[in-house]
Amino acid sequence: MSDFEFEVFENPRIGRDYVITTTVPEFTSVCPVTGQPDFGEIVIEYTPHKECLELKSLKFYMQSYRNKGIFYEQLTNDILDDLCMACKPKWMRITSKFTPRGGISTDVTCEYKAKKGIK
């Protein structure tokens, strides 16, 4: 889990379920084996509960991965954990789609669903 300080704001429609989709089309991190840069897109989808993610702090959080050596699977799950901790959504899905390298492309998807009766 990250110690990043996220900013959030109050959900303007708490009584309605809706989905927010945010795309980070220029995501970068570093391959922990080769040290080469990895380029990809991160898609964040969530149904907010009481709070929504503020986009400026989300941008800075995503940029914090720029020089971090991390596997796709780990970073996708870390992002889900960190964002769920920040805004406590009803539901969230993170999909990372990485640019092909050596003729192989990788997409990783992970999902969170709050337990029924969250307050």
PDB file of N, CA and C in Angstrom:
ATOM      1  N   MET A   1       0.828  -1.179   0.000  1.00  0.00           N
ATOM      2  CA  MET A   1       0.000   0.000   0.000  1.00  0.00           C
ATOM      3  C   MET A   1       0.880   1.252   0.000  1.00  0.00           C
ATOM      4  N   SER A   2       0.415   2.214  -0.716  1.00  0.00           N
ATOM      5  CA  SER A   2       1.139   3.463  -0.866  1.00  0.00           C
ATOM      6  C   SER A   2       0.853   4.398   0.304  1.00  0.00           C
ATOM      7  N   ASP A   3       1.798   5.263   0.604  1.00  0.00           N
ATOM      8  CA  ASP A   3       1.563   6.294   1.612  1.00  0.00           C
ATOM      9  C   ASP A   3       1.209   7.627   0.941  1.00  0.00           C
ATOM     10  N   PHE A   4       0.801   7.553  -0.323  1.00  0.00           N
ATOM     11  CA  PHE A   4       0.428   8.732  -1.093  1.00  0.00           C
ATOM     12  C   PHE A   4      -0.818   9.377  -0.485  1.00  0.00           C
ATOM     13  N   GLU A   5      -0.834  10.697  -0.432  1.00  0.00           N
ATOM     14  CA  GLU A   5      -1.970  11.442   0.106  1.00  0.00           C
ATOM     15  C   GLU A   5      -2.933  11.809  -1.026  1.00  0.00           C
ATOM     16  N   PHE A   6      -4.031  11.086  -1.140  1.00  0.00           N
ATOM     17  CA  PHE A   6      -5.036  11.374  -2.156  1.00  0.00           C
ATOM     18  C   PHE A   6      -5.977  12.464  -1.680  1.00  0.00           C
ATOM     19  N   GLU A   7      -6.460  13.245  -2.620  1.00  0.00           N
ATOM     20  CA  GLU A   7      -7.538  14.178  -2.332  1.00  0.00           C
ATOM     21  C   GLU A   7      -8.814  13.566  -2.884  1.00  0.00           C
ATOM     22  N   VAL A   8      -9.889  13.729  -2.142  1.00  0.00           N
ATOM     23  CA  VAL A   8     -11.200  13.245  -2.563  1.00  0.00           C
ATOM     24  C   VAL A   8     -12.211  14.374  -2.366  1.00  0.00           C
ATOM     25  N   PHE A   9     -13.379  14.213  -2.953  1.00  0.00           N
ATOM     26  CA  PHE A   9     -14.450  15.175  -2.727  1.00  0.00           C
ATOM     27  C   PHE A   9     -15.761  14.418  -2.557  1.00  0.00           C
ATOM     28  N   GLU A  10     -16.741  15.081  -1.978  1.00  0.00           N
ATOM     29  CA  GLU A  10     -18.014  14.447  -1.681  1.00  0.00           C
ATOM     30  C   GLU A  10     -18.754  14.059  -2.959  1.00  0.00           C
ATOM     31  N   ASN A  11     -19.274  12.851  -2.960  1.00  0.00           N
ATOM     32  CA  ASN A  11     -20.077  12.355  -4.074  1.00  0.00           C
ATOM     33  C   ASN A  11     -21.328  13.242  -4.192  1.00  0.00           C
ATOM     34  N   PRO A  12     -21.527  13.903  -5.343  1.00  0.00           N
ATOM     35  CA  PRO A  12     -22.678  14.801  -5.478  1.00  0.00           C
ATOM     36  C   PRO A  12     -24.017  14.078  -5.633  1.00  0.00           C
ATOM     37  N   ARG A  13     -24.015  12.772  -5.854  1.00  0.00           N
ATOM     38  CA  ARG A  13     -25.255  12.000  -6.024  1.00  0.00           C
ATOM     39  C   ARG A  13     -25.172  10.694  -5.238  1.00  0.00           C
ATOM     40  N   ILE A  14     -25.075  10.819  -3.927  1.00  0.00           N
ATOM     41  CA  ILE A  14     -24.913   9.637  -3.075  1.00  0.00           C
ATOM     42  C   ILE A  14     -26.046   8.632  -3.263  1.00  0.00           C
ATOM     43  N   GLY A  15     -27.247   9.069  -3.517  1.00  0.00           N
ATOM     44  CA  GLY A  15     -28.390   8.169  -3.647  1.00  0.00           C
ATOM     45  C   GLY A  15     -28.499   7.470  -4.988  1.00  0.00           C
ATOM     46  N   ARG A  16     -27.567   7.723  -5.894  1.00  0.00           N
ATOM     47  CA  ARG A  16     -27.634   7.132  -7.237  1.00  0.00           C
ATOM     48  C   ARG A  16     -26.348   6.367  -7.530  1.00  0.00           C
ATOM     49  N   ASP A  17     -26.488   5.162  -8.057  1.00  0.00           N
ATOM     50  CA  ASP A  17     -25.318   4.421  -8.525  1.00  0.00           C
ATOM     51  C   ASP A  17     -24.990   4.869  -9.942  1.00  0.00           C
ATOM     52  N   TYR A  18     -23.762   5.245 -10.167  1.00  0.00           N
ATOM     53  CA  TYR A  18     -23.278   5.605 -11.494  1.00  0.00           C
ATOM     54  C   TYR A  18     -21.809   5.231 -11.573  1.00  0.00           C
ATOM     55  N   VAL A  19     -21.280   5.155 -12.773  1.00  0.00           N
ATOM     56  CA  VAL A  19     -19.897   4.723 -12.970  1.00  0.00           C
ATOM     57  C   VAL A  19     -19.061   5.894 -13.471  1.00  0.00           C
ATOM     58  N   ILE A  20     -17.934   6.086 -12.839  1.00  0.00           N
ATOM     59  CA  ILE A  20     -16.942   7.064 -13.277  1.00  0.00           C
ATOM     60  C   ILE A  20     -15.827   6.280 -13.963  1.00  0.00           C
ATOM     61  N   THR A  21     -15.467   6.680 -15.172  1.00  0.00           N
ATOM     62  CA  THR A  21     -14.363   6.046 -15.898  1.00  0.00           C
ATOM     63  C   THR A  21     -13.295   7.091 -16.145  1.00  0.00           C
ATOM     64  N   THR A  22     -12.090   6.806 -15.688  1.00  0.00           N
ATOM     65  CA  THR A  22     -10.947   7.685 -15.890  1.00  0.00           C
ATOM     66  C   THR A  22      -9.866   6.883 -16.592  1.00  0.00           C
ATOM     67  N   THR A  23      -9.308   7.462 -17.645  1.00  0.00           N
ATOM     68  CA  THR A  23      -8.266   6.782 -18.413  1.00  0.00           C
ATOM     69  C   THR A  23      -6.957   7.550 -18.278  1.00  0.00           C
ATOM     70  N   VAL A  24      -5.895   6.814 -18.038  1.00  0.00           N
ATOM     71  CA  VAL A  24      -4.543   7.371 -17.986  1.00  0.00           C
ATOM     72  C   VAL A  24      -3.810   6.808 -19.200  1.00  0.00           C
ATOM     73  N   PRO A  25      -3.826   7.540 -20.330  1.00  0.00           N
ATOM     74  CA  PRO A  25      -3.322   6.981 -21.585  1.00  0.00           C
ATOM     75  C   PRO A  25      -1.800   6.958 -21.729  1.00  0.00           C
ATOM     76  N   GLU A  26      -1.085   7.666 -20.861  1.00  0.00           N
ATOM     77  CA  GLU A  26       0.377   7.748 -20.993  1.00  0.00           C
ATOM     78  C   GLU A  26       1.074   7.258 -19.739  1.00  0.00           C
ATOM     79  N   PHE A  27       0.616   6.138 -19.208  1.00  0.00           N
ATOM     80  CA  PHE A  27       1.202   5.574 -17.992  1.00  0.00           C
ATOM     81  C   PHE A  27       2.578   4.985 -18.299  1.00  0.00           C
ATOM     82  N   THR A  28       3.520   5.215 -17.403  1.00  0.00           N
ATOM     83  CA  THR A  28       4.847   4.606 -17.544  1.00  0.00           C
ATOM     84  C   THR A  28       5.318   4.052 -16.209  1.00  0.00           C
ATOM     85  N   SER A  29       6.030   2.954 -16.299  1.00  0.00           N
ATOM     86  CA  SER A  29       6.736   2.360 -15.164  1.00  0.00           C
ATOM     87  C   SER A  29       7.984   1.717 -15.750  1.00  0.00           C
ATOM     88  N   VAL A  30       8.677   0.921 -14.962  1.00  0.00           N
ATOM     89  CA  VAL A  30       9.934   0.318 -15.406  1.00  0.00           C
ATOM     90  C   VAL A  30       9.876  -1.187 -15.178  1.00  0.00           C
ATOM     91  N   CYS A  31      10.367  -1.941 -16.150  1.00  0.00           N
ATOM     92  CA  CYS A  31      10.461  -3.389 -15.988  1.00  0.00           C
ATOM     93  C   CYS A  31      11.488  -3.689 -14.901  1.00  0.00           C
ATOM     94  N   PRO A  32      11.107  -4.465 -13.867  1.00  0.00           N
ATOM     95  CA  PRO A  32      12.047  -4.750 -12.789  1.00  0.00           C
ATOM     96  C   PRO A  32      13.178  -5.694 -13.199  1.00  0.00           C
ATOM     97  N   VAL A  33      13.039  -6.375 -14.326  1.00  0.00           N
ATOM     98  CA  VAL A  33      14.061  -7.317 -14.786  1.00  0.00           C
ATOM     99  C   VAL A  33      15.072  -6.622 -15.696  1.00  0.00           C
ATOM    100  N   THR A  34      14.573  -5.897 -16.694  1.00  0.00           N
ATOM    101  CA  THR A  34      15.465  -5.289 -17.691  1.00  0.00           C
ATOM    102  C   THR A  34      15.800  -3.828 -17.406  1.00  0.00           C
ATOM    103  N   GLY A  35      14.974  -3.173 -16.600  1.00  0.00           N
ATOM    104  CA  GLY A  35      15.170  -1.742 -16.353  1.00  0.00           C
ATOM    105  C   GLY A  35      14.645  -0.873 -17.482  1.00  0.00           C
ATOM    106  N   GLN A  36      14.052  -1.491 -18.511  1.00  0.00           N
ATOM    107  CA  GLN A  36      13.513  -0.727 -19.626  1.00  0.00           C
ATOM    108  C   GLN A  36      12.145  -0.154 -19.263  1.00  0.00           C
ATOM    109  N   PRO A  37      11.789   0.972 -19.884  1.00  0.00           N
ATOM    110  CA  PRO A  37      10.478   1.563 -19.581  1.00  0.00           C
ATOM    111  C   PRO A  37       9.343   0.728 -20.151  1.00  0.00           C
ATOM    112  N   ASP A  38       8.252   0.680 -19.406  1.00  0.00           N
ATOM    113  CA  ASP A  38       7.017   0.062 -19.864  1.00  0.00           C
ATOM    114  C   ASP A  38       6.009   1.179 -20.089  1.00  0.00           C
ATOM    115  N   PHE A  39       5.306   1.110 -21.209  1.00  0.00           N
ATOM    116  CA  PHE A  39       4.321   2.123 -21.559  1.00  0.00           C
ATOM    117  C   PHE A  39       2.956   1.464 -21.639  1.00  0.00           C
ATOM    118  N   GLY A  40       1.963   2.127 -21.117  1.00  0.00           N
ATOM    119  CA  GLY A  40       0.637   1.541 -21.170  1.00  0.00           C
ATOM    120  C   GLY A  40      -0.453   2.534 -20.861  1.00  0.00           C
ATOM    121  N   GLU A  41      -1.636   1.979 -20.742  1.00  0.00           N
ATOM    122  CA  GLU A  41      -2.829   2.753 -20.424  1.00  0.00           C
ATOM    123  C   GLU A  41      -3.467   2.115 -19.206  1.00  0.00           C
ATOM    124  N   ILE A  42      -3.889   2.942 -18.262  1.00  0.00           N
ATOM    125  CA  ILE A  42      -4.601   2.464 -17.087  1.00  0.00           C
ATOM    126  C   ILE A  42      -6.032   2.982 -17.179  1.00  0.00           C
ATOM    127  N   VAL A  43      -6.999   2.076 -17.049  1.00  0.00           N
ATOM    128  CA  VAL A  43      -8.403   2.464 -17.057  1.00  0.00           C
ATOM    129  C   VAL A  43      -8.963   2.187 -15.660  1.00  0.00           C
ATOM    130  N   ILE A  44      -9.524   3.237 -15.062  1.00  0.00           N
ATOM    131  CA  ILE A  44     -10.111   3.159 -13.724  1.00  0.00           C
ATOM    132  C   ILE A  44     -11.617   3.332 -13.885  1.00  0.00           C
ATOM    133  N   GLU A  45     -12.371   2.356 -13.413  1.00  0.00           N
ATOM    134  CA  GLU A  45     -13.828   2.440 -13.431  1.00  0.00           C
ATOM    135  C   GLU A  45     -14.310   2.211 -12.006  1.00  0.00           C
ATOM    136  N   TYR A  46     -15.222   3.061 -11.539  1.00  0.00           N
ATOM    137  CA  TYR A  46     -15.736   2.831 -10.198  1.00  0.00           C
ATOM    138  C   TYR A  46     -17.103   3.464  -9.991  1.00  0.00           C
ATOM    139  N   THR A  47     -17.829   2.884  -9.047  1.00  0.00           N
ATOM    140  CA  THR A  47     -19.083   3.446  -8.560  1.00  0.00           C
ATOM    141  C   THR A  47     -18.770   4.017  -7.184  1.00  0.00           C
ATOM    142  N   PRO A  48     -18.830   5.334  -7.068  1.00  0.00           N
ATOM    143  CA  PRO A  48     -18.471   5.943  -5.781  1.00  0.00           C
ATOM    144  C   PRO A  48     -19.507   5.654  -4.707  1.00  0.00           C
ATOM    145  N   HIS A  49     -19.037   5.711  -3.479  1.00  0.00           N
ATOM    146  CA  HIS A  49     -19.951   5.640  -2.337  1.00  0.00           C
ATOM    147  C   HIS A  49     -20.111   7.061  -1.807  1.00  0.00           C
ATOM    148  N   LYS A  50     -19.360   7.441  -0.807  1.00  0.00           N
ATOM    149  CA  LYS A  50     -19.470   8.797  -0.248  1.00  0.00           C
ATOM    150  C   LYS A  50     -18.501   9.786  -0.878  1.00  0.00           C
ATOM    151  N   GLU A  51     -17.399   9.274  -1.457  1.00  0.00           N
ATOM    152  CA  GLU A  51     -16.368  10.175  -1.980  1.00  0.00           C
ATOM    153  C   GLU A  51     -15.921   9.764  -3.375  1.00  0.00           C
ATOM    154  N   CYS A  52     -15.459  10.761  -4.125  1.00  0.00           N
ATOM    155  CA  CYS A  52     -14.904  10.566  -5.462  1.00  0.00           C
ATOM    156  C   CYS A  52     -13.428  10.964  -5.446  1.00  0.00           C
ATOM    157  N   LEU A  53     -12.664  10.405  -6.346  1.00  0.00           N
ATOM    158  CA  LEU A  53     -11.247  10.733  -6.462  1.00  0.00           C
ATOM    159  C   LEU A  53     -11.062  12.067  -7.173  1.00  0.00           C
ATOM    160  N   GLU A  54     -10.212  12.906  -6.637  1.00  0.00           N
ATOM    161  CA  GLU A  54      -9.877  14.182  -7.262  1.00  0.00           C
ATOM    162  C   GLU A  54      -8.788  13.913  -8.289  1.00  0.00           C
ATOM    163  N   LEU A  55      -8.944  14.437  -9.502  1.00  0.00           N
ATOM    164  CA  LEU A  55      -8.085  14.035 -10.624  1.00  0.00           C
ATOM    165  C   LEU A  55      -6.648  14.555 -10.549  1.00  0.00           C
ATOM    166  N   LYS A  56      -6.424  15.717  -9.976  1.00  0.00           N
ATOM    167  CA  LYS A  56      -5.045  16.227  -9.895  1.00  0.00           C
ATOM    168  C   LYS A  56      -4.193  15.317  -9.015  1.00  0.00           C
ATOM    169  N   SER A  57      -4.706  14.924  -7.866  1.00  0.00           N
ATOM    170  CA  SER A  57      -3.922  14.034  -7.004  1.00  0.00           C
ATOM    171  C   SER A  57      -3.782  12.654  -7.644  1.00  0.00           C
ATOM    172  N   LEU A  58      -4.807  12.212  -8.389  1.00  0.00           N
ATOM    173  CA  LEU A  58      -4.707  10.944  -9.109  1.00  0.00           C
ATOM    174  C   LEU A  58      -3.584  11.009 -10.144  1.00  0.00           C
ATOM    175  N   LYS A  59      -3.480  12.127 -10.837  1.00  0.00           N
ATOM    176  CA  LYS A  59      -2.416  12.307 -11.834  1.00  0.00           C
ATOM    177  C   LYS A  59      -1.037  12.203 -11.170  1.00  0.00           C
ATOM    178  N   PHE A  60      -0.857  12.874 -10.042  1.00  0.00           N
ATOM    179  CA  PHE A  60       0.437  12.814  -9.353  1.00  0.00           C
ATOM    180  C   PHE A  60       0.733  11.401  -8.844  1.00  0.00           C
ATOM    181  N   TYR A  61      -0.299  10.701  -8.384  1.00  0.00           N
ATOM    182  CA  TYR A  61      -0.122   9.318  -7.947  1.00  0.00           C
ATOM    183  C   TYR A  61       0.357   8.452  -9.111  1.00  0.00           C
ATOM    184  N   MET A  62      -0.296   8.570 -10.258  1.00  0.00           N
ATOM    185  CA  MET A  62       0.097   7.773 -11.421  1.00  0.00           C
ATOM    186  C   MET A  62       1.521   8.097 -11.860  1.00  0.00           C
ATOM    187  N   GLN A  63       1.915   9.350 -11.771  1.00  0.00           N
ATOM    188  CA  GLN A  63       3.276   9.739 -12.142  1.00  0.00           C
ATOM    189  C   GLN A  63       4.311   9.175 -11.177  1.00  0.00           C
ATOM    190  N   SER A  64       3.898   8.810  -9.977  1.00  0.00           N
ATOM    191  CA  SER A  64       4.843   8.253  -9.002  1.00  0.00           C
ATOM    192  C   SER A  64       5.379   6.883  -9.431  1.00  0.00           C
ATOM    193  N   TYR A  65       4.738   6.251 -10.405  1.00  0.00           N
ATOM    194  CA  TYR A  65       5.199   4.960 -10.920  1.00  0.00           C
ATOM    195  C   TYR A  65       6.248   5.100 -12.022  1.00  0.00           C
ATOM    196  N   ARG A  66       6.490   6.306 -12.488  1.00  0.00           N
ATOM    197  CA  ARG A  66       7.342   6.545 -13.655  1.00  0.00           C
ATOM    198  C   ARG A  66       8.696   5.837 -13.582  1.00  0.00           C
ATOM    199  N   ASN A  67       9.354   5.852 -12.444  1.00  0.00           N
ATOM    200  CA  ASN A  67      10.684   5.250 -12.308  1.00  0.00           C
ATOM    201  C   ASN A  67      10.681   4.023 -11.408  1.00  0.00           C
ATOM    202  N   LYS A  68       9.503   3.489 -11.142  1.00  0.00           N
ATOM    203  CA  LYS A  68       9.381   2.349 -10.228  1.00  0.00           C
ATOM    204  C   LYS A  68       9.479   1.042 -11.005  1.00  0.00           C
ATOM    205  N   GLY A  69      10.362   0.168 -10.577  1.00  0.00           N
ATOM    206  CA  GLY A  69      10.485  -1.160 -11.166  1.00  0.00           C
ATOM    207  C   GLY A  69       9.427  -2.075 -10.578  1.00  0.00           C
ATOM    208  N   ILE A  70       8.449  -2.476 -11.406  1.00  0.00           N
ATOM    209  CA  ILE A  70       7.325  -3.259 -10.889  1.00  0.00           C
ATOM    210  C   ILE A  70       6.690  -4.058 -12.029  1.00  0.00           C
ATOM    211  N   PHE A  71       6.259  -5.280 -11.709  1.00  0.00           N
ATOM    212  CA  PHE A  71       5.567  -6.100 -12.690  1.00  0.00           C
ATOM    213  C   PHE A  71       4.131  -5.592 -12.879  1.00  0.00           C
ATOM    214  N   TYR A  72       3.564  -5.821 -14.070  1.00  0.00           N
ATOM    215  CA  TYR A  72       2.210  -5.362 -14.405  1.00  0.00           C
ATOM    216  C   TYR A  72       1.170  -5.838 -13.391  1.00  0.00           C
ATOM    217  N   GLU A  73       1.272  -7.100 -13.033  1.00  0.00           N
ATOM    218  CA  GLU A  73       0.287  -7.695 -12.139  1.00  0.00           C
ATOM    219  C   GLU A  73       0.307  -7.020 -10.762  1.00  0.00           C
ATOM    220  N   GLN A  74       1.509  -6.753 -10.274  1.00  0.00           N
ATOM    221  CA  GLN A  74       1.645  -6.102  -8.965  1.00  0.00           C
ATOM    222  C   GLN A  74       1.124  -4.674  -9.006  1.00  0.00           C
ATOM    223  N   LEU A  75       1.512  -3.920 -10.032  1.00  0.00           N
ATOM    224  CA  LEU A  75       1.096  -2.514 -10.070  1.00  0.00           C
ATOM    225  C   LEU A  75      -0.409  -2.371 -10.243  1.00  0.00           C
ATOM    226  N   THR A  76      -1.036  -3.247 -11.018  1.00  0.00           N
ATOM    227  CA  THR A  76      -2.484  -3.169 -11.207  1.00  0.00           C
ATOM    228  C   THR A  76      -3.209  -3.418  -9.886  1.00  0.00           C
ATOM    229  N   ASN A  77      -2.758  -4.424  -9.155  1.00  0.00           N
ATOM    230  CA  ASN A  77      -3.356  -4.709  -7.849  1.00  0.00           C
ATOM    231  C   ASN A  77      -3.042  -3.630  -6.822  1.00  0.00           C
ATOM    232  N   ASP A  78      -1.833  -3.077  -6.851  1.00  0.00           N
ATOM    233  CA  ASP A  78      -1.482  -1.989  -5.935  1.00  0.00           C
ATOM    234  C   ASP A  78      -2.350  -0.766  -6.185  1.00  0.00           C
ATOM    235  N   ILE A  79      -2.561  -0.431  -7.453  1.00  0.00           N
ATOM    236  CA  ILE A  79      -3.397   0.723  -7.787  1.00  0.00           C
ATOM    237  C   ILE A  79      -4.817   0.502  -7.256  1.00  0.00           C
ATOM    238  N   LEU A  80      -5.361  -0.690  -7.475  1.00  0.00           N
ATOM    239  CA  LEU A  80      -6.704  -0.989  -6.962  1.00  0.00           C
ATOM    240  C   LEU A  80      -6.747  -0.820  -5.445  1.00  0.00           C
ATOM    241  N   ASP A  81      -5.793  -1.393  -4.735  1.00  0.00           N
ATOM    242  CA  ASP A  81      -5.762  -1.293  -3.272  1.00  0.00           C
ATOM    243  C   ASP A  81      -5.679   0.161  -2.819  1.00  0.00           C
ATOM    244  N   ASP A  82      -4.781   0.923  -3.433  1.00  0.00           N
ATOM    245  CA  ASP A  82      -4.577   2.317  -3.023  1.00  0.00           C
ATOM    246  C   ASP A  82      -5.805   3.182  -3.300  1.00  0.00           C
ATOM    247  N   LEU A  83      -6.420   3.012  -4.472  1.00  0.00           N
ATOM    248  CA  LEU A  83      -7.574   3.834  -4.809  1.00  0.00           C
ATOM    249  C   LEU A  83      -8.796   3.455  -3.977  1.00  0.00           C
ATOM    250  N   CYS A  84      -8.966   2.170  -3.703  1.00  0.00           N
ATOM    251  CA  CYS A  84     -10.072   1.750  -2.836  1.00  0.00           C
ATOM    252  C   CYS A  84      -9.892   2.276  -1.415  1.00  0.00           C
ATOM    253  N   MET A  85      -8.669   2.298  -0.946  1.00  0.00           N
ATOM    254  CA  MET A  85      -8.390   2.833   0.380  1.00  0.00           C
ATOM    255  C   MET A  85      -8.695   4.337   0.431  1.00  0.00           C
ATOM    256  N   ALA A  86      -8.417   5.027  -0.668  1.00  0.00           N
ATOM    257  CA  ALA A  86      -8.597   6.479  -0.704  1.00  0.00           C
ATOM    258  C   ALA A  86     -10.061   6.909  -0.724  1.00  0.00           C
ATOM    259  N   CYS A  87     -10.898   6.234  -1.536  1.00  0.00           N
ATOM    260  CA  CYS A  87     -12.277   6.728  -1.706  1.00  0.00           C
ATOM    261  C   CYS A  87     -13.363   5.735  -1.290  1.00  0.00           C
ATOM    262  N   LYS A  88     -12.983   4.528  -0.910  1.00  0.00           N
ATOM    263  CA  LYS A  88     -13.917   3.507  -0.426  1.00  0.00           C
ATOM    264  C   LYS A  88     -15.153   3.377  -1.321  1.00  0.00           C
ATOM    265  N   PRO A  89     -14.953   2.975  -2.579  1.00  0.00           N
ATOM    266  CA  PRO A  89     -16.064   2.899  -3.525  1.00  0.00           C
ATOM    267  C   PRO A  89     -16.980   1.706  -3.256  1.00  0.00           C
ATOM    268  N   LYS A  90     -18.123   1.717  -3.914  1.00  0.00           N
ATOM    269  CA  LYS A  90     -19.001   0.552  -3.878  1.00  0.00           C
ATOM    270  C   LYS A  90     -18.426  -0.555  -4.755  1.00  0.00           C
ATOM    271  N   TRP A  91     -17.803  -0.147  -5.856  1.00  0.00           N
ATOM    272  CA  TRP A  91     -17.229  -1.082  -6.822  1.00  0.00           C
ATOM    273  C   TRP A  91     -16.107  -0.361  -7.568  1.00  0.00           C
ATOM    274  N   MET A  92     -15.049  -1.105  -7.903  1.00  0.00           N
ATOM    275  CA  MET A  92     -13.971  -0.523  -8.699  1.00  0.00           C
ATOM    276  C   MET A  92     -13.300  -1.616  -9.523  1.00  0.00           C
ATOM    277  N   ARG A  93     -12.918  -1.229 -10.743  1.00  0.00           N
ATOM    278  CA  ARG A  93     -12.151  -2.116 -11.626  1.00  0.00           C
ATOM    279  C   ARG A  93     -10.973  -1.315 -12.181  1.00  0.00           C
ATOM    280  N   ILE A  94      -9.805  -1.936 -12.157  1.00  0.00           N
ATOM    281  CA  ILE A  94      -8.599  -1.358 -12.749  1.00  0.00           C
ATOM    282  C   ILE A  94      -8.156  -2.296 -13.863  1.00  0.00           C
ATOM    283  N   THR A  95      -7.930  -1.710 -15.046  1.00  0.00           N
ATOM    284  CA  THR A  95      -7.388  -2.475 -16.166  1.00  0.00           C
ATOM    285  C   THR A  95      -6.132  -1.780 -16.650  1.00  0.00           C
ATOM    286  N   SER A  96      -5.046  -2.519 -16.706  1.00  0.00           N
ATOM    287  CA  SER A  96      -3.801  -1.987 -17.280  1.00  0.00           C
ATOM    288  C   SER A  96      -3.593  -2.680 -18.623  1.00  0.00           C
ATOM    289  N   LYS A  97      -3.304  -1.865 -19.637  1.00  0.00           N
ATOM    290  CA  LYS A  97      -3.109  -2.368 -21.004  1.00  0.00           C
ATOM    291  C   LYS A  97      -1.747  -1.879 -21.467  1.00  0.00           C
ATOM    292  N   PHE A  98      -0.798  -2.793 -21.570  1.00  0.00           N
ATOM    293  CA  PHE A  98       0.563  -2.389 -21.889  1.00  0.00           C
ATOM    294  C   PHE A  98       0.909  -2.557 -23.358  1.00  0.00           C
ATOM    295  N   THR A  99       1.722  -1.630 -23.840  1.00  0.00           N
ATOM    296  CA  THR A  99       2.184  -1.620 -25.223  1.00  0.00           C
ATOM    297  C   THR A  99       2.966  -2.902 -25.497  1.00  0.00           C
ATOM    298  N   PRO A 100       2.733  -3.529 -26.642  1.00  0.00           N
ATOM    299  CA  PRO A 100       3.454  -4.767 -26.949  1.00  0.00           C
ATOM    300  C   PRO A 100       4.977  -4.584 -26.912  1.00  0.00           C
ATOM    301  N   ARG A 101       5.626  -5.597 -26.389  1.00  0.00           N
ATOM    302  CA  ARG A 101       7.084  -5.657 -26.393  1.00  0.00           C
ATOM    303  C   ARG A 101       7.466  -7.050 -26.862  1.00  0.00           C
ATOM    304  N   GLY A 102       8.290  -7.114 -27.900  1.00  0.00           N
ATOM    305  CA  GLY A 102       8.694  -8.413 -28.435  1.00  0.00           C
ATOM    306  C   GLY A 102       7.532  -9.213 -28.997  1.00  0.00           C
ATOM    307  N   GLY A 103       6.512  -8.506 -29.489  1.00  0.00           N
ATOM    308  CA  GLY A 103       5.367  -9.177 -30.089  1.00  0.00           C
ATOM    309  C   GLY A 103       4.340  -9.682 -29.091  1.00  0.00           C
ATOM    310  N   ILE A 104       4.473  -9.312 -27.816  1.00  0.00           N
ATOM    311  CA  ILE A 104       3.546  -9.770 -26.783  1.00  0.00           C
ATOM    312  C   ILE A 104       2.958  -8.555 -26.075  1.00  0.00           C
ATOM    313  N   SER A 105       1.628  -8.525 -25.983  1.00  0.00           N
ATOM    314  CA  SER A 105       0.982  -7.471 -25.207  1.00  0.00           C
ATOM    315  C   SER A 105       0.306  -8.110 -23.997  1.00  0.00           C
ATOM    316  N   THR A 106       0.165  -7.326 -22.947  1.00  0.00           N
ATOM    317  CA  THR A 106      -0.430  -7.834 -21.711  1.00  0.00           C
ATOM    318  C   THR A 106      -1.458  -6.844 -21.195  1.00  0.00           C
ATOM    319  N   ASP A 107      -2.635  -7.362 -20.818  1.00  0.00           N
ATOM    320  CA  ASP A 107      -3.657  -6.607 -20.113  1.00  0.00           C
ATOM    321  C   ASP A 107      -3.889  -7.312 -18.786  1.00  0.00           C
ATOM    322  N   VAL A 108      -4.024  -6.536 -17.717  1.00  0.00           N
ATOM    323  CA  VAL A 108      -4.317  -7.092 -16.397  1.00  0.00           C
ATOM    324  C   VAL A 108      -5.535  -6.356 -15.857  1.00  0.00           C
ATOM    325  N   THR A 109      -6.513  -7.106 -15.363  1.00  0.00           N
ATOM    326  CA  THR A 109      -7.718  -6.516 -14.789  1.00  0.00           C
ATOM    327  C   THR A 109      -7.936  -7.067 -13.397  1.00  0.00           C
ATOM    328  N   CYS A 110      -8.230  -6.190 -12.451  1.00  0.00           N
ATOM    329  CA  CYS A 110      -8.603  -6.632 -11.111  1.00  0.00           C
ATOM    330  C   CYS A 110      -9.793  -5.798 -10.647  1.00  0.00           C
ATOM    331  N   GLU A 111     -10.548  -6.355  -9.724  1.00  0.00           N
ATOM    332  CA  GLU A 111     -11.816  -5.744  -9.354  1.00  0.00           C
ATOM    333  C   GLU A 111     -12.063  -5.850  -7.856  1.00  0.00           C
ATOM    334  N   TYR A 112     -12.763  -4.845  -7.335  1.00  0.00           N
ATOM    335  CA  TYR A 112     -13.170  -4.797  -5.924  1.00  0.00           C
ATOM    336  C   TYR A 112     -14.664  -4.578  -5.875  1.00  0.00           C
ATOM    337  N   LYS A 113     -15.341  -5.266  -4.966  1.00  0.00           N
ATOM    338  CA  LYS A 113     -16.761  -5.050  -4.738  1.00  0.00           C
ATOM    339  C   LYS A 113     -16.968  -4.954  -3.231  1.00  0.00           C
ATOM    340  N   ALA A 114     -17.552  -3.845  -2.779  1.00  0.00           N
ATOM    341  CA  ALA A 114     -17.785  -3.659  -1.346  1.00  0.00           C
ATOM    342  C   ALA A 114     -18.785  -4.672  -0.839  1.00  0.00           C
ATOM    343  N   LYS A 115     -18.651  -5.001   0.404  1.00  0.00           N
ATOM    344  CA  LYS A 115     -19.606  -5.904   1.026  1.00  0.00           C
ATOM    345  C   LYS A 115     -20.946  -5.193   1.143  1.00  0.00           C
ATOM    346  N   LYS A 116     -22.004  -5.937   1.069  1.00  0.00           N
ATOM    347  CA  LYS A 116     -23.347  -5.352   1.181  1.00  0.00           C
ATOM    348  C   LYS A 116     -23.507  -4.644   2.515  1.00  0.00           C
ATOM    349  N   GLY A 117     -24.243  -3.548   2.479  1.00  0.00           N
ATOM    350  CA  GLY A 117     -24.526  -2.817   3.712  1.00  0.00           C
ATOM    351  C   GLY A 117     -23.450  -1.840   4.134  1.00  0.00           C
ATOM    352  N   ILE A 118     -22.550  -1.414   3.208  1.00  0.00           N
ATOM    353  CA  ILE A 118     -21.536  -0.445   3.597  1.00  0.00           C
ATOM    354  C   ILE A 118     -22.204   0.870   3.960  1.00  0.00           C
ATOM    355  N   LYS A 119     -21.594   1.575   4.879  1.00  0.00           N
ATOM    356  CA  LYS A 119     -22.169   2.863   5.330  1.00  0.00           C
ATOM    357  C   LYS A 119     -21.194   3.979   5.112  1.00  0.00           C
TER     358      LYS A 119
END
